[in-house]
Amino acid sequence: MTTAAPIRTLDSQEVNLLLAWLAEETEAHRQMGEILARQQRCMVRQDLVALQQCHDDAGPAARRLENATKSRGQVLVGLGRRLGIPGDPPALDSILQFAPDDARNQLELMRQTLQDALDEIRAQTRRNQMLARSGLDLNRSIVHAIFAGGEAQRTYDRGARTHDRPTSVPFLDREL
């Protein structure tokens, strides 16, 4: 007589744990996304005081996000061990395969909501980086126009570092 392999599924407590984790991490990502959107508006308005406030707000939000990510790893490792799924931590999709049918759709929806929040943060971060880079380039050009004279020519050395070289006589002498 052979014994059938035990049926491995997530119980209701584990499903609730996953739902709570997904909701917390999604909310942490949304909070960071809101800060990044405020940061973008501050950069466009050139509001340095509000931009500093965004920076101050980002610290606690980043810690919340880090804690949610660590929590996710711990939850997934524990569930992965119990279900016999390899990985440290195992992929969420591999865990969701063991969810009961009635909970799987809800878990998949929450997972997709989290993925959407992650994608939005990545896009917002890229936009903010482009704005910051553009502002830095503008400031660099203004400083060169005032102190080095005219537009600067940007050259690159072997280490891919940029160097700006003036093209005309300085507008102001630094010793004034």
N, C-alpha and C. Protein backbone atom coordinates (compact mmCIF):
# COMPACT_ATOMS: atom_id res chain seq x y z
N MET A 1 0.83 -1.17 0.00
CA MET A 1 0.00 0.00 0.00
C MET A 1 0.88 1.24 0.00
N THR A 2 0.65 2.10 -0.94
CA THR A 2 1.43 3.33 -1.03
C THR A 2 0.61 4.49 -0.47
N THR A 3 1.34 5.41 0.12
CA THR A 3 0.65 6.59 0.65
C THR A 3 0.81 7.72 -0.35
N ALA A 4 -0.24 8.43 -0.51
CA ALA A 4 -0.22 9.57 -1.43
C ALA A 4 0.57 10.70 -0.79
N ALA A 5 1.22 11.47 -1.64
CA ALA A 5 1.95 12.63 -1.13
C ALA A 5 0.96 13.60 -0.51
N PRO A 6 1.35 14.23 0.59
CA PRO A 6 0.43 15.17 1.23
C PRO A 6 0.11 16.34 0.29
N ILE A 7 -1.13 16.77 0.35
CA ILE A 7 -1.54 17.91 -0.47
C ILE A 7 -1.01 19.17 0.20
N ARG A 8 -0.27 19.93 -0.57
CA ARG A 8 0.33 21.14 -0.02
C ARG A 8 -0.47 22.34 -0.51
N THR A 9 -1.10 23.01 0.41
CA THR A 9 -1.81 24.25 0.08
C THR A 9 -1.60 25.24 1.21
N LEU A 10 -1.83 26.48 0.90
CA LEU A 10 -1.78 27.52 1.92
C LEU A 10 -3.07 27.45 2.73
N ASP A 11 -2.94 27.55 4.05
CA ASP A 11 -4.16 27.59 4.86
C ASP A 11 -4.65 29.04 4.96
N SER A 12 -5.80 29.23 5.55
CA SER A 12 -6.41 30.57 5.59
C SER A 12 -5.54 31.57 6.36
N GLN A 13 -4.85 31.11 7.38
CA GLN A 13 -3.97 32.01 8.14
C GLN A 13 -2.80 32.47 7.26
N GLU A 14 -2.24 31.58 6.48
CA GLU A 14 -1.14 31.94 5.58
C GLU A 14 -1.62 32.86 4.46
N VAL A 15 -2.81 32.61 3.95
CA VAL A 15 -3.38 33.49 2.93
C VAL A 15 -3.56 34.89 3.51
N ASN A 16 -4.09 34.97 4.73
CA ASN A 16 -4.28 36.28 5.37
C ASN A 16 -2.95 36.97 5.62
N LEU A 17 -1.93 36.20 5.97
CA LEU A 17 -0.60 36.77 6.17
C LEU A 17 -0.07 37.35 4.86
N LEU A 18 -0.22 36.61 3.77
CA LEU A 18 0.20 37.11 2.45
C LEU A 18 -0.58 38.35 2.05
N LEU A 19 -1.88 38.35 2.26
CA LEU A 19 -2.70 39.51 1.92
C LEU A 19 -2.27 40.73 2.72
N ALA A 20 -2.01 40.54 4.01
CA ALA A 20 -1.58 41.65 4.86
C ALA A 20 -0.22 42.17 4.40
N TRP A 21 0.70 41.26 4.08
CA TRP A 21 2.02 41.69 3.62
C TRP A 21 1.91 42.45 2.30
N LEU A 22 1.13 41.91 1.36
CA LEU A 22 0.97 42.57 0.06
C LEU A 22 0.35 43.96 0.23
N ALA A 23 -0.63 44.08 1.10
CA ALA A 23 -1.26 45.38 1.34
C ALA A 23 -0.27 46.36 1.96
N GLU A 24 0.52 45.92 2.92
CA GLU A 24 1.49 46.80 3.57
C GLU A 24 2.57 47.25 2.60
N GLU A 25 3.12 46.33 1.84
CA GLU A 25 4.18 46.71 0.92
C GLU A 25 3.64 47.61 -0.20
N THR A 26 2.44 47.33 -0.66
CA THR A 26 1.83 48.18 -1.69
C THR A 26 1.63 49.59 -1.15
N GLU A 27 1.14 49.70 0.07
CA GLU A 27 0.92 51.03 0.67
C GLU A 27 2.25 51.75 0.88
N ALA A 28 3.29 51.04 1.27
CA ALA A 28 4.61 51.66 1.43
C ALA A 28 5.12 52.18 0.09
N HIS A 29 4.91 51.43 -0.98
CA HIS A 29 5.32 51.89 -2.31
C HIS A 29 4.50 53.08 -2.76
N ARG A 30 3.22 53.06 -2.47
CA ARG A 30 2.38 54.21 -2.84
C ARG A 30 2.83 55.47 -2.11
N GLN A 31 3.15 55.32 -0.82
CA GLN A 31 3.62 56.47 -0.04
C GLN A 31 4.90 57.04 -0.67
N MET A 32 5.82 56.16 -1.04
CA MET A 32 7.06 56.63 -1.67
C MET A 32 6.75 57.26 -3.02
N GLY A 33 5.82 56.71 -3.76
CA GLY A 33 5.42 57.29 -5.04
C GLY A 33 4.86 58.69 -4.89
N GLU A 34 4.07 58.91 -3.85
CA GLU A 34 3.52 60.24 -3.58
C GLU A 34 4.64 61.23 -3.27
N ILE A 35 5.62 60.79 -2.51
CA ILE A 35 6.76 61.66 -2.19
C ILE A 35 7.54 61.99 -3.46
N LEU A 36 7.75 61.01 -4.31
CA LEU A 36 8.47 61.26 -5.57
C LEU A 36 7.70 62.21 -6.47
N ALA A 37 6.37 62.10 -6.51
CA ALA A 37 5.56 63.02 -7.32
C ALA A 37 5.65 64.44 -6.76
N ARG A 38 5.59 64.57 -5.43
CA ARG A 38 5.77 65.90 -4.81
C ARG A 38 7.15 66.45 -5.11
N GLN A 39 8.14 65.59 -5.06
CA GLN A 39 9.52 66.00 -5.35
C GLN A 39 9.61 66.54 -6.78
N GLN A 40 8.96 65.88 -7.71
CA GLN A 40 8.97 66.35 -9.10
C GLN A 40 8.33 67.73 -9.21
N ARG A 41 7.18 67.91 -8.57
CA ARG A 41 6.52 69.22 -8.62
C ARG A 41 7.41 70.30 -8.02
N CYS A 42 8.11 69.98 -6.93
CA CYS A 42 9.01 70.95 -6.29
C CYS A 42 10.17 71.31 -7.21
N MET A 43 10.71 70.32 -7.92
CA MET A 43 11.81 70.61 -8.84
C MET A 43 11.35 71.49 -9.98
N VAL A 44 10.16 71.23 -10.50
CA VAL A 44 9.64 72.04 -11.61
C VAL A 44 9.40 73.47 -11.14
N ARG A 45 8.86 73.63 -9.92
CA ARG A 45 8.60 74.97 -9.37
C ARG A 45 9.86 75.62 -8.82
N GLN A 46 10.94 74.86 -8.71
CA GLN A 46 12.19 75.31 -8.12
C GLN A 46 11.98 75.76 -6.67
N ASP A 47 11.18 75.00 -5.95
CA ASP A 47 10.86 75.28 -4.55
C ASP A 47 11.78 74.45 -3.66
N LEU A 48 12.90 75.05 -3.27
CA LEU A 48 13.92 74.31 -2.53
C LEU A 48 13.48 73.95 -1.11
N VAL A 49 12.67 74.81 -0.49
CA VAL A 49 12.19 74.51 0.86
C VAL A 49 11.29 73.27 0.84
N ALA A 50 10.36 73.24 -0.10
CA ALA A 50 9.47 72.08 -0.22
C ALA A 50 10.25 70.84 -0.66
N LEU A 51 11.27 71.03 -1.49
CA LEU A 51 12.10 69.91 -1.92
C LEU A 51 12.84 69.31 -0.73
N GLN A 52 13.31 70.15 0.18
CA GLN A 52 13.97 69.66 1.40
C GLN A 52 12.97 68.87 2.25
N GLN A 53 11.73 69.34 2.31
CA GLN A 53 10.70 68.62 3.07
C GLN A 53 10.45 67.24 2.46
N CYS A 54 10.45 67.17 1.14
CA CYS A 54 10.31 65.87 0.46
C CYS A 54 11.45 64.95 0.85
N HIS A 55 12.65 65.50 0.89
CA HIS A 55 13.82 64.72 1.27
C HIS A 55 13.66 64.20 2.70
N ASP A 56 13.20 65.08 3.59
CA ASP A 56 12.99 64.68 4.99
C ASP A 56 11.92 63.60 5.11
N ASP A 57 10.85 63.72 4.31
CA ASP A 57 9.76 62.74 4.35
C ASP A 57 10.19 61.40 3.76
N ALA A 58 11.15 61.43 2.85
CA ALA A 58 11.57 60.20 2.17
C ALA A 58 12.27 59.23 3.12
N GLY A 59 12.94 59.74 4.15
CA GLY A 59 13.66 58.88 5.09
C GLY A 59 12.75 57.87 5.78
N PRO A 60 11.71 58.34 6.49
CA PRO A 60 10.80 57.38 7.13
C PRO A 60 10.08 56.48 6.12
N ALA A 61 9.74 57.03 4.96
CA ALA A 61 9.07 56.21 3.94
C ALA A 61 10.00 55.12 3.44
N ALA A 62 11.27 55.44 3.26
CA ALA A 62 12.24 54.44 2.81
C ALA A 62 12.43 53.35 3.87
N ARG A 63 12.44 53.74 5.15
CA ARG A 63 12.56 52.74 6.21
C ARG A 63 11.32 51.83 6.24
N ARG A 64 10.15 52.43 6.04
CA ARG A 64 8.93 51.62 6.00
C ARG A 64 8.99 50.63 4.85
N LEU A 65 9.45 51.09 3.71
CA LEU A 65 9.57 50.23 2.53
C LEU A 65 10.59 49.12 2.78
N GLU A 66 11.70 49.46 3.40
CA GLU A 66 12.72 48.46 3.70
C GLU A 66 12.18 47.40 4.66
N ASN A 67 11.45 47.84 5.69
CA ASN A 67 10.86 46.89 6.64
C ASN A 67 9.84 45.98 5.96
N ALA A 68 9.03 46.56 5.07
CA ALA A 68 8.04 45.75 4.35
C ALA A 68 8.73 44.72 3.46
N THR A 69 9.83 45.12 2.83
CA THR A 69 10.57 44.20 1.96
C THR A 69 11.21 43.08 2.77
N LYS A 70 11.78 43.42 3.93
CA LYS A 70 12.35 42.38 4.80
C LYS A 70 11.26 41.42 5.28
N SER A 71 10.13 41.98 5.64
CA SER A 71 9.01 41.16 6.09
C SER A 71 8.57 40.20 4.99
N ARG A 72 8.51 40.71 3.77
CA ARG A 72 8.14 39.86 2.63
C ARG A 72 9.11 38.69 2.52
N GLY A 73 10.39 38.98 2.60
CA GLY A 73 11.39 37.92 2.49
C GLY A 73 11.21 36.86 3.55
N GLN A 74 10.96 37.29 4.79
CA GLN A 74 10.77 36.34 5.88
C GLN A 74 9.51 35.49 5.67
N VAL A 75 8.43 36.14 5.25
CA VAL A 75 7.18 35.41 5.01
C VAL A 75 7.38 34.39 3.89
N LEU A 76 7.99 34.82 2.79
CA LEU A 76 8.17 33.91 1.65
C LEU A 76 9.12 32.76 1.97
N VAL A 77 10.18 33.04 2.74
CA VAL A 77 11.10 31.96 3.12
C VAL A 77 10.37 30.92 3.96
N GLY A 78 9.61 31.38 4.95
CA GLY A 78 8.87 30.46 5.81
C GLY A 78 7.86 29.62 5.03
N LEU A 79 7.11 30.27 4.16
CA LEU A 79 6.13 29.54 3.35
C LEU A 79 6.83 28.60 2.37
N GLY A 80 7.92 29.06 1.79
CA GLY A 80 8.66 28.23 0.85
C GLY A 80 9.18 26.96 1.49
N ARG A 81 9.70 27.08 2.70
CA ARG A 81 10.19 25.89 3.41
C ARG A 81 9.06 24.91 3.67
N ARG A 82 7.94 25.44 4.16
CA ARG A 82 6.81 24.57 4.47
C ARG A 82 6.27 23.87 3.23
N LEU A 83 6.26 24.59 2.12
CA LEU A 83 5.71 24.02 0.89
C LEU A 83 6.75 23.28 0.05
N GLY A 84 8.02 23.33 0.47
CA GLY A 84 9.08 22.65 -0.28
C GLY A 84 9.47 23.36 -1.56
N ILE A 85 9.39 24.68 -1.56
CA ILE A 85 9.73 25.47 -2.74
C ILE A 85 11.14 26.03 -2.56
N PRO A 86 12.04 25.78 -3.51
CA PRO A 86 13.41 26.29 -3.38
C PRO A 86 13.46 27.81 -3.58
N GLY A 87 14.52 28.38 -3.07
CA GLY A 87 14.75 29.82 -3.24
C GLY A 87 14.86 30.50 -1.90
N ASP A 88 15.62 31.57 -1.88
CA ASP A 88 15.83 32.30 -0.63
C ASP A 88 15.73 33.79 -0.89
N PRO A 89 14.60 34.37 -0.93
CA PRO A 89 13.28 33.77 -0.77
C PRO A 89 12.76 33.22 -2.10
N PRO A 90 11.82 32.32 -2.04
CA PRO A 90 11.23 31.82 -3.28
C PRO A 90 10.38 32.90 -3.94
N ALA A 91 10.14 32.75 -5.22
CA ALA A 91 9.33 33.73 -5.95
C ALA A 91 7.88 33.68 -5.46
N LEU A 92 7.28 34.84 -5.38
CA LEU A 92 5.89 34.93 -4.93
C LEU A 92 4.97 34.11 -5.83
N ASP A 93 5.21 34.14 -7.13
CA ASP A 93 4.37 33.38 -8.06
C ASP A 93 4.38 31.88 -7.74
N SER A 94 5.55 31.37 -7.32
CA SER A 94 5.62 29.94 -7.01
C SER A 94 4.83 29.63 -5.73
N ILE A 95 4.77 30.56 -4.81
CA ILE A 95 3.98 30.38 -3.58
C ILE A 95 2.48 30.44 -3.91
N LEU A 96 2.11 31.37 -4.78
CA LEU A 96 0.69 31.56 -5.09
C LEU A 96 0.07 30.34 -5.76
N GLN A 97 0.88 29.51 -6.37
CA GLN A 97 0.36 28.28 -6.99
C GLN A 97 -0.29 27.36 -5.95
N PHE A 98 0.11 27.51 -4.70
CA PHE A 98 -0.40 26.65 -3.63
C PHE A 98 -1.57 27.28 -2.88
N ALA A 99 -2.04 28.43 -3.35
CA ALA A 99 -3.18 29.08 -2.70
C ALA A 99 -4.46 28.36 -3.09
N PRO A 100 -5.40 28.30 -2.18
CA PRO A 100 -6.71 27.73 -2.54
C PRO A 100 -7.34 28.55 -3.67
N ASP A 101 -8.13 27.89 -4.47
CA ASP A 101 -8.72 28.55 -5.64
C ASP A 101 -9.48 29.82 -5.26
N ASP A 102 -10.22 29.78 -4.16
CA ASP A 102 -11.02 30.94 -3.79
C ASP A 102 -10.16 32.13 -3.37
N ALA A 103 -8.93 31.91 -2.94
CA ALA A 103 -8.05 33.01 -2.51
C ALA A 103 -7.05 33.41 -3.59
N ARG A 104 -6.82 32.54 -4.56
CA ARG A 104 -5.78 32.80 -5.55
C ARG A 104 -6.04 34.07 -6.36
N ASN A 105 -7.29 34.28 -6.78
CA ASN A 105 -7.59 35.48 -7.56
C ASN A 105 -7.33 36.76 -6.77
N GLN A 106 -7.71 36.75 -5.50
CA GLN A 106 -7.48 37.93 -4.66
C GLN A 106 -5.98 38.16 -4.46
N LEU A 107 -5.23 37.10 -4.24
CA LEU A 107 -3.78 37.23 -4.08
C LEU A 107 -3.13 37.71 -5.38
N GLU A 108 -3.57 37.19 -6.50
CA GLU A 108 -3.03 37.62 -7.80
C GLU A 108 -3.32 39.10 -8.04
N LEU A 109 -4.52 39.54 -7.70
CA LEU A 109 -4.88 40.95 -7.86
C LEU A 109 -4.00 41.83 -6.98
N MET A 110 -3.78 41.41 -5.74
CA MET A 110 -2.92 42.18 -4.84
C MET A 110 -1.47 42.19 -5.35
N ARG A 111 -1.01 41.06 -5.88
CA ARG A 111 0.34 40.99 -6.42
C ARG A 111 0.48 41.94 -7.61
N GLN A 112 -0.52 41.98 -8.47
CA GLN A 112 -0.48 42.88 -9.63
C GLN A 112 -0.53 44.34 -9.20
N THR A 113 -1.30 44.65 -8.17
CA THR A 113 -1.37 46.01 -7.64
C THR A 113 0.00 46.43 -7.11
N LEU A 114 0.68 45.52 -6.43
CA LEU A 114 2.03 45.80 -5.94
C LEU A 114 2.98 46.02 -7.11
N GLN A 115 2.89 45.19 -8.13
CA GLN A 115 3.76 45.34 -9.31
C GLN A 115 3.51 46.67 -9.99
N ASP A 116 2.26 47.08 -10.10
CA ASP A 116 1.93 48.38 -10.70
C ASP A 116 2.55 49.53 -9.90
N ALA A 117 2.49 49.42 -8.56
CA ALA A 117 3.08 50.46 -7.71
C ALA A 117 4.60 50.50 -7.91
N LEU A 118 5.23 49.34 -8.02
CA LEU A 118 6.68 49.28 -8.28
C LEU A 118 7.03 49.92 -9.62
N ASP A 119 6.25 49.60 -10.64
CA ASP A 119 6.50 50.16 -11.97
C ASP A 119 6.36 51.68 -11.96
N GLU A 120 5.37 52.19 -11.23
CA GLU A 120 5.16 53.64 -11.16
C GLU A 120 6.33 54.31 -10.43
N ILE A 121 6.84 53.68 -9.39
CA ILE A 121 7.99 54.26 -8.67
C ILE A 121 9.21 54.29 -9.58
N ARG A 122 9.43 53.24 -10.34
CA ARG A 122 10.57 53.23 -11.27
C ARG A 122 10.45 54.36 -12.29
N ALA A 123 9.26 54.53 -12.85
CA ALA A 123 9.05 55.59 -13.85
C ALA A 123 9.21 56.97 -13.22
N GLN A 124 8.66 57.16 -12.03
CA GLN A 124 8.77 58.45 -11.35
C GLN A 124 10.22 58.75 -10.99
N THR A 125 10.95 57.75 -10.58
CA THR A 125 12.37 57.93 -10.25
C THR A 125 13.16 58.34 -11.49
N ARG A 126 12.88 57.71 -12.63
CA ARG A 126 13.56 58.09 -13.87
C ARG A 126 13.25 59.54 -14.25
N ARG A 127 11.98 59.93 -14.11
CA ARG A 127 11.61 61.32 -14.43
C ARG A 127 12.32 62.30 -13.51
N ASN A 128 12.37 61.99 -12.22
CA ASN A 128 13.04 62.87 -11.27
C ASN A 128 14.54 62.95 -11.54
N GLN A 129 15.14 61.83 -11.91
CA GLN A 129 16.57 61.84 -12.25
C GLN A 129 16.83 62.72 -13.46
N MET A 130 15.96 62.65 -14.46
CA MET A 130 16.13 63.49 -15.65
C MET A 130 15.99 64.97 -15.30
N LEU A 131 15.02 65.30 -14.44
CA LEU A 131 14.85 66.69 -14.02
C LEU A 131 16.07 67.18 -13.25
N ALA A 132 16.56 66.37 -12.33
CA ALA A 132 17.73 66.75 -11.54
C ALA A 132 18.95 66.92 -12.43
N ARG A 133 19.14 66.00 -13.37
CA ARG A 133 20.27 66.08 -14.29
C ARG A 133 20.17 67.34 -15.16
N SER A 134 18.98 67.64 -15.62
CA SER A 134 18.76 68.83 -16.44
C SER A 134 19.07 70.10 -15.64
N GLY A 135 18.61 70.15 -14.39
CA GLY A 135 18.90 71.30 -13.54
C GLY A 135 20.38 71.45 -13.26
N LEU A 136 21.05 70.34 -13.04
CA LEU A 136 22.49 70.37 -12.80
C LEU A 136 23.23 70.87 -14.03
N ASP A 137 22.85 70.40 -15.20
CA ASP A 137 23.48 70.86 -16.44
C ASP A 137 23.25 72.35 -16.65
N LEU A 138 22.04 72.83 -16.37
CA LEU A 138 21.75 74.25 -16.50
C LEU A 138 22.60 75.07 -15.54
N ASN A 139 22.68 74.65 -14.29
CA ASN A 139 23.51 75.37 -13.31
C ASN A 139 24.98 75.38 -13.73
N ARG A 140 25.46 74.26 -14.21
CA ARG A 140 26.85 74.17 -14.65
C ARG A 140 27.09 75.14 -15.81
N SER A 141 26.16 75.21 -16.74
CA SER A 141 26.31 76.13 -17.88
C SER A 141 26.30 77.59 -17.42
N ILE A 142 25.44 77.91 -16.47
CA ILE A 142 25.38 79.28 -15.95
C ILE A 142 26.68 79.65 -15.26
N VAL A 143 27.19 78.77 -14.43
CA VAL A 143 28.45 79.04 -13.73
C VAL A 143 29.57 79.23 -14.74
N HIS A 144 29.62 78.41 -15.76
CA HIS A 144 30.66 78.57 -16.78
C HIS A 144 30.48 79.86 -17.57
N ALA A 145 29.25 80.22 -17.85
CA ALA A 145 29.01 81.47 -18.58
C ALA A 145 29.47 82.67 -17.76
N ILE A 146 29.26 82.62 -16.45
CA ILE A 146 29.64 83.75 -15.60
C ILE A 146 31.14 83.77 -15.34
N PHE A 147 31.71 82.66 -14.92
CA PHE A 147 33.10 82.66 -14.48
C PHE A 147 34.10 82.24 -15.55
N ALA A 148 33.71 81.38 -16.46
CA ALA A 148 34.67 80.89 -17.45
C ALA A 148 34.46 81.53 -18.81
N GLY A 149 33.32 82.13 -19.00
CA GLY A 149 33.05 82.81 -20.25
C GLY A 149 32.42 81.89 -21.27
N GLY A 150 31.25 82.25 -21.74
CA GLY A 150 30.58 81.51 -22.81
C GLY A 150 30.15 80.13 -22.40
N GLU A 151 29.67 79.41 -23.36
CA GLU A 151 29.25 78.03 -23.14
C GLU A 151 30.49 77.16 -22.94
N ALA A 152 30.33 76.17 -22.14
CA ALA A 152 31.44 75.24 -21.91
C ALA A 152 31.34 74.09 -22.90
N GLN A 153 32.50 73.65 -23.34
CA GLN A 153 32.55 72.43 -24.15
C GLN A 153 32.81 71.28 -23.20
N ARG A 154 32.00 70.26 -23.28
CA ARG A 154 32.15 69.12 -22.39
C ARG A 154 33.01 68.08 -23.08
N THR A 155 34.08 67.69 -22.41
CA THR A 155 34.95 66.63 -22.90
C THR A 155 34.97 65.51 -21.86
N TYR A 156 35.42 64.35 -22.29
CA TYR A 156 35.46 63.19 -21.40
C TYR A 156 36.89 62.65 -21.36
N ASP A 157 37.31 62.22 -20.16
CA ASP A 157 38.63 61.61 -20.05
C ASP A 157 38.48 60.09 -20.11
N ARG A 158 39.58 59.38 -19.91
CA ARG A 158 39.56 57.92 -20.02
C ARG A 158 38.64 57.26 -19.00
N GLY A 159 38.47 57.89 -17.85
CA GLY A 159 37.60 57.33 -16.81
C GLY A 159 36.15 57.70 -16.99
N ALA A 160 35.78 58.26 -18.13
CA ALA A 160 34.42 58.68 -18.47
C ALA A 160 33.94 59.82 -17.57
N ARG A 161 34.88 60.56 -16.99
CA ARG A 161 34.53 61.75 -16.21
C ARG A 161 34.45 62.93 -17.16
N THR A 162 33.51 63.82 -16.89
CA THR A 162 33.34 64.98 -17.77
C THR A 162 34.19 66.14 -17.28
N HIS A 163 34.65 66.94 -18.23
CA HIS A 163 35.39 68.16 -17.95
C HIS A 163 34.81 69.24 -18.84
N ASP A 164 34.58 70.40 -18.26
CA ASP A 164 34.04 71.52 -19.03
C ASP A 164 35.17 72.50 -19.32
N ARG A 165 35.28 72.90 -20.57
CA ARG A 165 36.32 73.83 -20.99
C ARG A 165 35.64 75.08 -21.55
N PRO A 166 36.05 76.26 -21.07
CA PRO A 166 35.44 77.50 -21.55
C PRO A 166 35.79 77.75 -23.02
N THR A 167 34.89 78.47 -23.69
CA THR A 167 35.12 78.77 -25.10
C THR A 167 35.41 80.24 -25.34
N SER A 168 35.28 81.09 -24.31
CA SER A 168 35.55 82.52 -24.49
C SER A 168 36.02 83.15 -23.19
N VAL A 169 36.13 84.45 -23.18
CA VAL A 169 36.64 85.21 -22.03
C VAL A 169 35.59 85.22 -20.92
N PRO A 170 36.02 85.13 -19.63
CA PRO A 170 35.08 85.13 -18.52
C PRO A 170 34.27 86.42 -18.44
N PHE A 171 33.02 86.29 -18.00
CA PHE A 171 32.14 87.44 -17.79
C PHE A 171 32.53 88.16 -16.50
N LEU A 172 32.86 87.42 -15.45
CA LEU A 172 33.30 87.99 -14.18
C LEU A 172 34.65 87.38 -13.81
N ASP A 173 35.48 88.18 -13.21
CA ASP A 173 36.75 87.68 -12.70
C ASP A 173 36.49 87.15 -11.29
N ARG A 174 36.96 85.98 -10.98
CA ARG A 174 36.73 85.38 -9.67
C ARG A 174 37.32 86.21 -8.54
N GLU A 175 38.29 87.02 -8.81
CA GLU A 175 38.95 87.78 -7.75
C GLU A 175 38.23 89.08 -7.43
N LEU A 176 37.18 89.42 -8.11
CA LEU A 176 36.45 90.66 -7.82
C LEU A 176 35.74 90.62 -6.52
